[in-house]
């Protein structure tokens, strides 16, 4: 069986206050071609920023209400080139739009860029 990955949008989460607050306050939908992804399997994430933002925590929730956290990772973004990835050994399937929040330990004015690795899965059931 061939694995087909979605062309996920690079998402910008600006001004993630390094003060301990998760940003954005209301989690952002993970999107592809400008539309929310409703069904898929999460394989991981790639993060970049222009300068050190310390440890970057990325949380993915099953929905906007944050009722179920399906993925969390801490990436070290303290050394140049200020990018890191996390790839899961076992992908996490989802059947409603996942939402993301981040928190960084340094540089409260950093803009963080995230690209998620998501496999397309059949929607007929």
Protein backbone atom coordinates (compact mmCIF):
# COMPACT_ATOMS: atom_id res chain seq x y z
CA UNK A 1 0.00 0.00 0.00
CA UNK A 2 1.34 3.42 -0.96
CA UNK A 3 1.63 6.12 1.69
CA UNK A 4 0.32 9.48 0.49
CA UNK A 5 1.24 12.53 2.55
CA UNK A 6 -0.84 15.71 2.59
CA UNK A 7 0.82 18.95 1.57
CA UNK A 8 0.35 20.62 4.95
CA UNK A 9 0.61 24.38 5.18
CA UNK A 10 3.57 25.92 6.97
CA UNK A 11 1.88 27.55 9.94
CA UNK A 12 3.22 30.64 11.66
CA UNK A 13 2.56 31.13 15.35
CA UNK A 14 3.81 34.58 16.22
CA UNK A 15 4.79 36.04 19.57
CA UNK A 16 4.67 32.86 21.64
CA UNK A 17 5.31 34.53 24.98
CA UNK A 18 8.20 32.76 26.64
CA UNK A 19 6.49 33.37 29.95
CA UNK A 20 4.90 29.94 30.28
CA UNK A 21 1.69 30.70 28.40
CA UNK A 22 0.60 28.42 25.55
CA UNK A 23 0.06 30.24 22.26
CA UNK A 24 -2.27 30.79 20.58
CA UNK A 25 -4.74 30.93 23.47
CA UNK A 26 -7.27 29.13 21.27
CA UNK A 27 -5.40 26.32 19.51
CA UNK A 28 -4.90 26.71 15.73
CA UNK A 29 -6.27 24.14 13.29
CA UNK A 30 -3.72 22.11 11.33
CA UNK A 31 -4.32 22.88 7.65
CA UNK A 32 -3.45 21.77 4.12
CA UNK A 33 -4.01 24.10 1.16
CA UNK A 34 -5.74 26.56 3.49
CA UNK A 35 -8.37 24.09 4.72
CA UNK A 36 -8.61 22.21 7.99
CA UNK A 37 -7.55 18.57 7.84
CA UNK A 38 -10.36 16.38 9.19
CA UNK A 39 -8.98 12.84 8.77
CA UNK A 40 -5.41 11.61 8.70
CA UNK A 41 -2.49 10.10 10.57
CA UNK A 42 0.01 12.38 12.27
CA UNK A 43 3.61 11.30 11.62
CA UNK A 44 5.42 14.26 13.17
CA UNK A 45 6.37 17.91 12.86
CA UNK A 46 9.16 20.19 11.67
CA UNK A 47 9.77 23.50 13.44
CA UNK A 48 11.93 26.47 12.49
CA UNK A 49 12.55 29.95 13.87
CA UNK A 50 14.91 32.83 13.04
CA UNK A 51 16.77 32.83 16.35
CA UNK A 52 17.06 30.78 19.51
CA UNK A 53 13.76 30.12 21.19
CA UNK A 54 15.13 27.60 23.70
CA UNK A 55 13.02 24.53 24.30
CA UNK A 56 9.90 24.52 22.14
CA UNK A 57 6.92 22.53 23.37
CA UNK A 58 4.40 21.57 20.69
CA UNK A 59 1.02 20.19 21.78
CA UNK A 60 -1.57 18.76 19.41
CA UNK A 61 -5.14 18.43 20.62
CA UNK A 62 -7.89 16.28 19.13
CA UNK A 63 -10.12 19.37 18.93
CA UNK A 64 -10.19 23.12 19.57
CA UNK A 65 -11.72 22.61 23.04
CA UNK A 66 -8.54 20.75 24.13
CA UNK A 67 -10.49 17.72 25.39
CA UNK A 68 -7.80 15.20 24.41
CA UNK A 69 -4.09 15.80 23.82
CA UNK A 70 -2.93 13.36 21.13
CA UNK A 71 0.70 14.45 20.74
CA UNK A 72 3.32 16.46 22.59
CA UNK A 73 7.01 16.99 21.95
CA UNK A 74 9.78 19.23 23.28
CA UNK A 75 12.30 20.31 20.62
CA UNK A 76 15.65 21.94 21.38
CA UNK A 77 15.67 25.15 19.31
CA UNK A 78 18.60 26.80 21.12
CA UNK A 79 21.39 26.31 18.54
CA UNK A 80 21.74 27.40 14.93
CA UNK A 81 20.23 26.57 12.44
CA UNK A 82 17.19 26.82 14.80
CA UNK A 83 15.23 23.96 13.31
CA UNK A 84 14.22 20.52 14.53
CA UNK A 85 11.91 17.66 13.61
CA UNK A 86 10.17 14.84 15.40
CA UNK A 87 9.08 11.73 13.52
CA UNK A 88 6.88 9.16 15.24
CA UNK A 89 7.60 5.43 15.00
CA UNK A 90 3.84 4.81 15.08
CA UNK A 91 1.59 7.46 13.49
CA UNK A 92 -1.41 8.79 15.42
CA UNK A 93 -4.72 8.58 13.52
CA UNK A 94 -7.29 11.34 13.92
CA UNK A 95 -10.87 11.73 12.73
CA UNK A 96 -11.56 15.38 13.45
CA UNK A 97 -9.46 18.50 12.91
CA UNK A 98 -6.40 18.51 15.19
CA UNK A 99 -5.35 21.81 16.75
CA UNK A 100 -1.91 22.98 17.85
CA UNK A 101 -0.43 25.14 20.62
CA UNK A 102 3.19 25.95 21.36
CA UNK A 103 5.24 27.27 24.24
CA UNK A 104 8.89 28.30 24.13
CA UNK A 105 11.37 28.90 26.93
CA UNK A 106 13.16 31.91 25.40
CA UNK A 107 12.67 34.89 23.03
CA UNK A 108 9.06 35.93 23.62
CA UNK A 109 9.00 37.73 20.24
CA UNK A 110 10.01 34.73 18.14
CA UNK A 111 7.83 33.67 15.22
CA UNK A 112 7.70 29.87 15.08
CA UNK A 113 7.02 28.05 11.81
CA UNK A 114 5.52 24.56 11.96
CA UNK A 115 5.00 22.02 9.20
CA UNK A 116 3.18 18.84 10.15
CA UNK A 117 3.74 15.47 8.49
CA UNK A 118 0.27 14.00 7.91
CA UNK A 119 -0.69 10.88 5.96
CA UNK A 120 -3.92 10.95 3.98
CA UNK A 121 -6.26 8.12 4.98
CA UNK A 122 -9.53 6.99 3.46
CA UNK A 123 -12.63 8.79 4.69
CA UNK A 124 -15.27 6.26 3.66
CA UNK A 125 -16.63 4.22 6.56
